[in-house]
Amino acid sequence: MNLKPGEGVPPDFTHFARPSDKGGILALYQKCPHLGCAVPWRHEFDFEGVQGWFRCPCHGSTYTKAGVRVFGPSPRPLDLFAVTPNPDGSLDIDTSKITTGSAENPQRTIRPA
C-alpha cells in the first residue's frame, strides 16, 4: 500500500491506531493472522459507513488500508514484509522477513529514495 500522510486509519477508527504521519509504502502480508486465509482489498466493501477495507472472507476480520484490525476474530493487525528502497526508485520486498502486525503499522511506512 502507498499511504499518503494522514492515511491508513479512517477518522472514526483512530482509537485502534494513529494514521500515518509521513506517508509511504507498506508491504502487507495479506494472510489473516487468525487462520491464514488470504485477505483481499475490497474497495466496494462498506464497514461502519466507510468504503474500502481489507476483509477476510473466512471469518470477517476487517482491516484498514494500513492493515490495522478493526473487527473480527483476528488476534492482531496484518503482518508486514520488509521493504528496502533502491537508488533507482524501485523497491525490494523481502518476503522472508515478516514483522508482526501491530497498531504501529501506519507509522512503519518506508519512503522511496
N, C-alpha and C. Protein backbone atom coordinates (compact mmCIF):
# COMPACT_ATOMS: atom_id res chain seq x y z
N MET A 1 0.84 -1.17 0.00
CA MET A 1 0.00 0.00 0.00
C MET A 1 0.89 1.24 0.00
N ASN A 2 0.41 2.25 -0.67
CA ASN A 2 1.10 3.53 -0.68
C ASN A 2 0.21 4.52 0.07
N LEU A 3 0.58 4.84 1.28
CA LEU A 3 -0.22 5.72 2.13
C LEU A 3 0.24 7.16 2.00
N LYS A 4 -0.72 8.06 1.93
CA LYS A 4 -0.44 9.49 1.98
C LYS A 4 -0.35 9.89 3.45
N PRO A 5 0.31 11.01 3.77
CA PRO A 5 0.30 11.47 5.16
C PRO A 5 -1.15 11.57 5.68
N GLY A 6 -1.38 11.06 6.87
CA GLY A 6 -2.71 11.09 7.47
C GLY A 6 -3.59 9.92 7.07
N GLU A 7 -3.09 9.02 6.21
CA GLU A 7 -3.88 7.90 5.73
C GLU A 7 -3.54 6.62 6.49
N GLY A 8 -4.36 5.60 6.27
CA GLY A 8 -4.10 4.28 6.83
C GLY A 8 -5.11 3.86 7.87
N VAL A 9 -5.74 4.85 8.51
CA VAL A 9 -6.78 4.58 9.50
C VAL A 9 -7.86 5.66 9.32
N PRO A 10 -9.10 5.27 8.97
CA PRO A 10 -10.15 6.28 8.80
C PRO A 10 -10.39 7.07 10.08
N PRO A 11 -10.84 8.32 9.96
CA PRO A 11 -11.02 9.18 11.13
C PRO A 11 -11.83 8.58 12.28
N ASP A 12 -12.89 7.86 11.98
CA ASP A 12 -13.72 7.29 13.06
C ASP A 12 -13.10 6.05 13.71
N PHE A 13 -11.92 5.64 13.27
CA PHE A 13 -11.28 4.43 13.77
C PHE A 13 -9.93 4.71 14.42
N THR A 14 -9.65 5.96 14.74
CA THR A 14 -8.34 6.30 15.30
C THR A 14 -8.14 5.78 16.72
N HIS A 15 -9.17 5.25 17.37
CA HIS A 15 -8.98 4.62 18.67
C HIS A 15 -8.26 3.27 18.52
N PHE A 16 -8.18 2.73 17.28
CA PHE A 16 -7.43 1.49 17.01
C PHE A 16 -5.96 1.77 16.72
N ALA A 17 -5.68 2.87 16.04
CA ALA A 17 -4.31 3.20 15.66
C ALA A 17 -4.27 4.64 15.16
N ARG A 18 -3.09 5.20 15.16
CA ARG A 18 -2.87 6.55 14.65
C ARG A 18 -2.58 6.47 13.14
N PRO A 19 -3.16 7.35 12.33
CA PRO A 19 -2.85 7.34 10.89
C PRO A 19 -1.36 7.60 10.65
N SER A 20 -0.93 7.35 9.42
CA SER A 20 0.46 7.57 9.04
C SER A 20 0.82 9.05 9.17
N ASP A 21 1.93 9.34 9.82
CA ASP A 21 2.39 10.73 9.94
C ASP A 21 3.03 11.21 8.64
N LYS A 22 3.89 10.39 8.07
CA LYS A 22 4.70 10.82 6.93
C LYS A 22 4.25 10.23 5.59
N GLY A 23 3.41 9.21 5.63
CA GLY A 23 3.04 8.53 4.40
C GLY A 23 4.19 7.66 3.91
N GLY A 24 3.93 6.85 2.90
CA GLY A 24 4.95 5.98 2.35
C GLY A 24 4.39 4.60 2.04
N ILE A 25 5.30 3.66 1.83
CA ILE A 25 4.96 2.32 1.36
C ILE A 25 4.93 1.32 2.52
N LEU A 26 3.92 0.47 2.50
CA LEU A 26 3.82 -0.69 3.39
C LEU A 26 3.63 -1.92 2.52
N ALA A 27 4.34 -2.98 2.80
CA ALA A 27 4.12 -4.26 2.10
C ALA A 27 3.39 -5.18 3.07
N LEU A 28 2.09 -5.25 2.93
CA LEU A 28 1.26 -6.06 3.82
C LEU A 28 1.26 -7.52 3.39
N TYR A 29 1.36 -8.39 4.36
CA TYR A 29 1.21 -9.82 4.14
C TYR A 29 -0.28 -10.08 4.21
N GLN A 30 -0.91 -10.34 3.08
CA GLN A 30 -2.35 -10.48 3.03
C GLN A 30 -2.80 -11.87 3.46
N LYS A 31 -2.29 -12.31 4.59
CA LYS A 31 -2.66 -13.59 5.20
C LYS A 31 -3.22 -13.27 6.58
N CYS A 32 -4.46 -13.66 6.82
CA CYS A 32 -5.11 -13.34 8.08
C CYS A 32 -4.39 -14.03 9.25
N PRO A 33 -4.01 -13.27 10.28
CA PRO A 33 -3.35 -13.88 11.44
C PRO A 33 -4.26 -14.84 12.21
N HIS A 34 -5.57 -14.81 11.94
CA HIS A 34 -6.50 -15.69 12.64
C HIS A 34 -6.29 -17.15 12.22
N LEU A 35 -6.53 -17.46 10.95
CA LEU A 35 -6.39 -18.84 10.48
C LEU A 35 -5.67 -18.96 9.13
N GLY A 36 -5.10 -17.86 8.65
CA GLY A 36 -4.27 -17.91 7.45
C GLY A 36 -4.98 -17.75 6.12
N CYS A 37 -6.23 -17.34 6.11
CA CYS A 37 -6.93 -17.12 4.85
C CYS A 37 -6.34 -15.91 4.12
N ALA A 38 -6.41 -15.91 2.79
CA ALA A 38 -5.98 -14.76 2.00
C ALA A 38 -6.97 -13.62 2.22
N VAL A 39 -6.45 -12.43 2.45
CA VAL A 39 -7.29 -11.27 2.78
C VAL A 39 -7.21 -10.25 1.63
N PRO A 40 -8.23 -10.19 0.77
CA PRO A 40 -8.19 -9.25 -0.35
C PRO A 40 -8.62 -7.83 0.06
N TRP A 41 -8.15 -6.86 -0.74
CA TRP A 41 -8.64 -5.48 -0.62
C TRP A 41 -10.00 -5.44 -1.31
N ARG A 42 -10.99 -4.90 -0.63
CA ARG A 42 -12.33 -4.80 -1.20
C ARG A 42 -12.75 -3.35 -1.23
N HIS A 43 -12.48 -2.69 -2.35
CA HIS A 43 -12.77 -1.26 -2.47
C HIS A 43 -14.25 -0.95 -2.32
N GLU A 44 -15.12 -1.92 -2.64
CA GLU A 44 -16.56 -1.69 -2.58
C GLU A 44 -17.17 -2.01 -1.21
N PHE A 45 -16.39 -2.66 -0.34
CA PHE A 45 -16.93 -3.09 0.95
C PHE A 45 -17.13 -1.88 1.87
N ASP A 46 -18.34 -1.76 2.41
CA ASP A 46 -18.68 -0.68 3.33
C ASP A 46 -18.76 -1.24 4.74
N PHE A 47 -17.99 -0.65 5.65
CA PHE A 47 -18.00 -1.05 7.05
C PHE A 47 -18.13 0.22 7.88
N GLU A 48 -19.21 0.29 8.66
CA GLU A 48 -19.46 1.44 9.53
C GLU A 48 -19.43 2.77 8.76
N GLY A 49 -19.96 2.74 7.52
CA GLY A 49 -20.06 3.96 6.73
C GLY A 49 -18.79 4.36 5.98
N VAL A 50 -17.76 3.54 6.05
CA VAL A 50 -16.52 3.81 5.33
C VAL A 50 -16.35 2.73 4.27
N GLN A 51 -16.02 3.15 3.05
CA GLN A 51 -15.87 2.20 1.96
C GLN A 51 -14.39 1.95 1.69
N GLY A 52 -14.05 0.66 1.45
CA GLY A 52 -12.69 0.26 1.14
C GLY A 52 -11.97 -0.30 2.35
N TRP A 53 -11.86 -1.65 2.40
CA TRP A 53 -11.23 -2.34 3.52
C TRP A 53 -10.57 -3.63 3.03
N PHE A 54 -9.61 -4.12 3.79
CA PHE A 54 -9.17 -5.49 3.64
C PHE A 54 -10.17 -6.30 4.46
N ARG A 55 -10.73 -7.34 3.87
CA ARG A 55 -11.77 -8.11 4.56
C ARG A 55 -11.52 -9.60 4.35
N CYS A 56 -11.34 -10.33 5.46
CA CYS A 56 -11.10 -11.77 5.39
C CYS A 56 -12.41 -12.48 5.02
N PRO A 57 -12.39 -13.27 3.94
CA PRO A 57 -13.61 -13.95 3.53
C PRO A 57 -13.97 -15.14 4.41
N CYS A 58 -13.05 -15.58 5.26
CA CYS A 58 -13.32 -16.77 6.08
C CYS A 58 -14.13 -16.46 7.34
N HIS A 59 -13.73 -15.45 8.10
CA HIS A 59 -14.42 -15.17 9.36
C HIS A 59 -14.71 -13.69 9.57
N GLY A 60 -14.48 -12.86 8.55
CA GLY A 60 -14.91 -11.46 8.60
C GLY A 60 -13.98 -10.46 9.25
N SER A 61 -12.77 -10.87 9.62
CA SER A 61 -11.86 -9.87 10.19
C SER A 61 -11.69 -8.76 9.16
N THR A 62 -11.71 -7.53 9.64
CA THR A 62 -11.69 -6.35 8.78
C THR A 62 -10.51 -5.47 9.17
N TYR A 63 -9.78 -5.01 8.14
CA TYR A 63 -8.54 -4.27 8.35
C TYR A 63 -8.54 -2.97 7.54
N THR A 64 -7.91 -1.94 8.07
CA THR A 64 -7.78 -0.67 7.37
C THR A 64 -6.78 -0.79 6.22
N LYS A 65 -6.60 0.30 5.50
CA LYS A 65 -5.65 0.36 4.39
C LYS A 65 -4.22 0.08 4.87
N ALA A 66 -3.94 0.32 6.14
CA ALA A 66 -2.62 0.04 6.72
C ALA A 66 -2.57 -1.33 7.39
N GLY A 67 -3.64 -2.11 7.25
CA GLY A 67 -3.67 -3.46 7.82
C GLY A 67 -4.01 -3.52 9.29
N VAL A 68 -4.56 -2.44 9.86
CA VAL A 68 -4.93 -2.42 11.28
C VAL A 68 -6.29 -3.10 11.44
N ARG A 69 -6.37 -4.08 12.34
CA ARG A 69 -7.62 -4.81 12.58
C ARG A 69 -8.61 -3.92 13.33
N VAL A 70 -9.84 -3.84 12.77
CA VAL A 70 -10.90 -3.08 13.43
C VAL A 70 -12.11 -3.93 13.79
N PHE A 71 -12.14 -5.18 13.27
CA PHE A 71 -13.28 -6.05 13.55
C PHE A 71 -12.89 -7.49 13.28
N GLY A 72 -13.46 -8.39 14.05
CA GLY A 72 -13.33 -9.82 13.78
C GLY A 72 -12.42 -10.55 14.74
N PRO A 73 -12.28 -11.86 14.51
CA PRO A 73 -11.57 -12.71 15.46
C PRO A 73 -10.04 -12.68 15.34
N SER A 74 -9.50 -11.98 14.34
CA SER A 74 -8.04 -11.94 14.21
C SER A 74 -7.42 -11.39 15.49
N PRO A 75 -6.31 -11.99 15.95
CA PRO A 75 -5.69 -11.53 17.20
C PRO A 75 -4.87 -10.25 17.05
N ARG A 76 -4.61 -9.81 15.79
CA ARG A 76 -3.77 -8.61 15.60
C ARG A 76 -3.93 -8.09 14.17
N PRO A 77 -3.31 -6.94 13.89
CA PRO A 77 -3.29 -6.42 12.53
C PRO A 77 -2.52 -7.34 11.58
N LEU A 78 -2.63 -7.05 10.28
CA LEU A 78 -1.89 -7.80 9.27
C LEU A 78 -0.39 -7.61 9.46
N ASP A 79 0.36 -8.68 9.19
CA ASP A 79 1.82 -8.61 9.28
C ASP A 79 2.38 -7.86 8.07
N LEU A 80 3.66 -7.46 8.19
CA LEU A 80 4.32 -6.69 7.14
C LEU A 80 5.57 -7.41 6.64
N PHE A 81 5.89 -7.21 5.36
CA PHE A 81 7.16 -7.67 4.80
C PHE A 81 8.15 -6.51 4.85
N ALA A 82 9.43 -6.84 4.93
CA ALA A 82 10.48 -5.82 4.91
C ALA A 82 10.55 -5.19 3.52
N VAL A 83 10.65 -3.86 3.49
CA VAL A 83 10.75 -3.09 2.25
C VAL A 83 12.06 -2.31 2.26
N THR A 84 12.81 -2.41 1.17
CA THR A 84 14.06 -1.66 1.03
C THR A 84 13.99 -0.84 -0.25
N PRO A 85 14.08 0.50 -0.13
CA PRO A 85 14.11 1.32 -1.34
C PRO A 85 15.49 1.26 -2.00
N ASN A 86 15.51 1.27 -3.32
CA ASN A 86 16.75 1.26 -4.09
C ASN A 86 17.01 2.66 -4.67
N PRO A 87 18.27 2.98 -4.96
CA PRO A 87 18.60 4.30 -5.50
C PRO A 87 17.85 4.66 -6.79
N ASP A 88 17.48 3.64 -7.58
CA ASP A 88 16.77 3.91 -8.84
C ASP A 88 15.27 4.12 -8.64
N GLY A 89 14.80 4.10 -7.39
CA GLY A 89 13.39 4.31 -7.09
C GLY A 89 12.58 3.04 -6.99
N SER A 90 13.16 1.90 -7.36
CA SER A 90 12.46 0.62 -7.22
C SER A 90 12.51 0.18 -5.75
N LEU A 91 11.74 -0.83 -5.44
CA LEU A 91 11.67 -1.35 -4.08
C LEU A 91 11.96 -2.85 -4.08
N ASP A 92 12.65 -3.31 -3.06
CA ASP A 92 12.81 -4.74 -2.82
C ASP A 92 11.90 -5.11 -1.67
N ILE A 93 11.08 -6.15 -1.87
CA ILE A 93 10.20 -6.66 -0.83
C ILE A 93 10.75 -8.02 -0.43
N ASP A 94 11.16 -8.15 0.82
CA ASP A 94 11.75 -9.40 1.30
C ASP A 94 10.67 -10.20 2.02
N THR A 95 10.11 -11.20 1.32
CA THR A 95 9.03 -11.99 1.89
C THR A 95 9.52 -13.00 2.93
N SER A 96 10.85 -13.07 3.13
CA SER A 96 11.37 -13.95 4.19
C SER A 96 11.48 -13.20 5.52
N LYS A 97 11.31 -11.88 5.49
CA LYS A 97 11.39 -11.07 6.71
C LYS A 97 10.01 -10.50 7.01
N ILE A 98 9.35 -11.10 7.98
CA ILE A 98 7.99 -10.70 8.35
C ILE A 98 8.02 -10.04 9.72
N THR A 99 7.40 -8.86 9.80
CA THR A 99 7.24 -8.15 11.07
C THR A 99 5.81 -8.37 11.54
N THR A 100 5.64 -8.77 12.78
CA THR A 100 4.31 -8.97 13.33
C THR A 100 3.52 -7.67 13.28
N GLY A 101 2.29 -7.76 12.78
CA GLY A 101 1.44 -6.58 12.69
C GLY A 101 1.09 -6.03 14.06
N SER A 102 0.94 -4.70 14.09
CA SER A 102 0.56 -4.02 15.34
C SER A 102 -0.16 -2.72 15.01
N ALA A 103 -0.62 -2.04 16.03
CA ALA A 103 -1.26 -0.74 15.84
C ALA A 103 -0.28 0.28 15.27
N GLU A 104 1.01 -0.04 15.28
CA GLU A 104 2.03 0.86 14.72
C GLU A 104 2.18 0.70 13.21
N ASN A 105 1.45 -0.20 12.57
CA ASN A 105 1.58 -0.40 11.13
C ASN A 105 1.61 0.91 10.34
N PRO A 106 0.68 1.85 10.57
CA PRO A 106 0.70 3.08 9.77
C PRO A 106 1.99 3.89 9.94
N GLN A 107 2.66 3.75 11.06
CA GLN A 107 3.89 4.51 11.31
C GLN A 107 5.12 3.81 10.74
N ARG A 108 4.98 2.61 10.22
CA ARG A 108 6.10 1.82 9.72
C ARG A 108 6.33 2.00 8.22
N THR A 109 5.74 3.00 7.63
CA THR A 109 5.91 3.19 6.19
C THR A 109 7.35 3.52 5.84
N ILE A 110 7.72 3.19 4.60
CA ILE A 110 9.05 3.45 4.07
C ILE A 110 8.89 4.46 2.93
N ARG A 111 9.72 5.48 2.93
CA ARG A 111 9.70 6.47 1.84
C ARG A 111 10.71 6.05 0.78
N PRO A 112 10.26 5.87 -0.48
CA PRO A 112 11.20 5.51 -1.54
C PRO A 112 12.28 6.59 -1.71
N ALA A 113 13.43 6.17 -2.23
CA ALA A 113 14.56 7.09 -2.43
C ALA A 113 14.26 8.10 -3.52
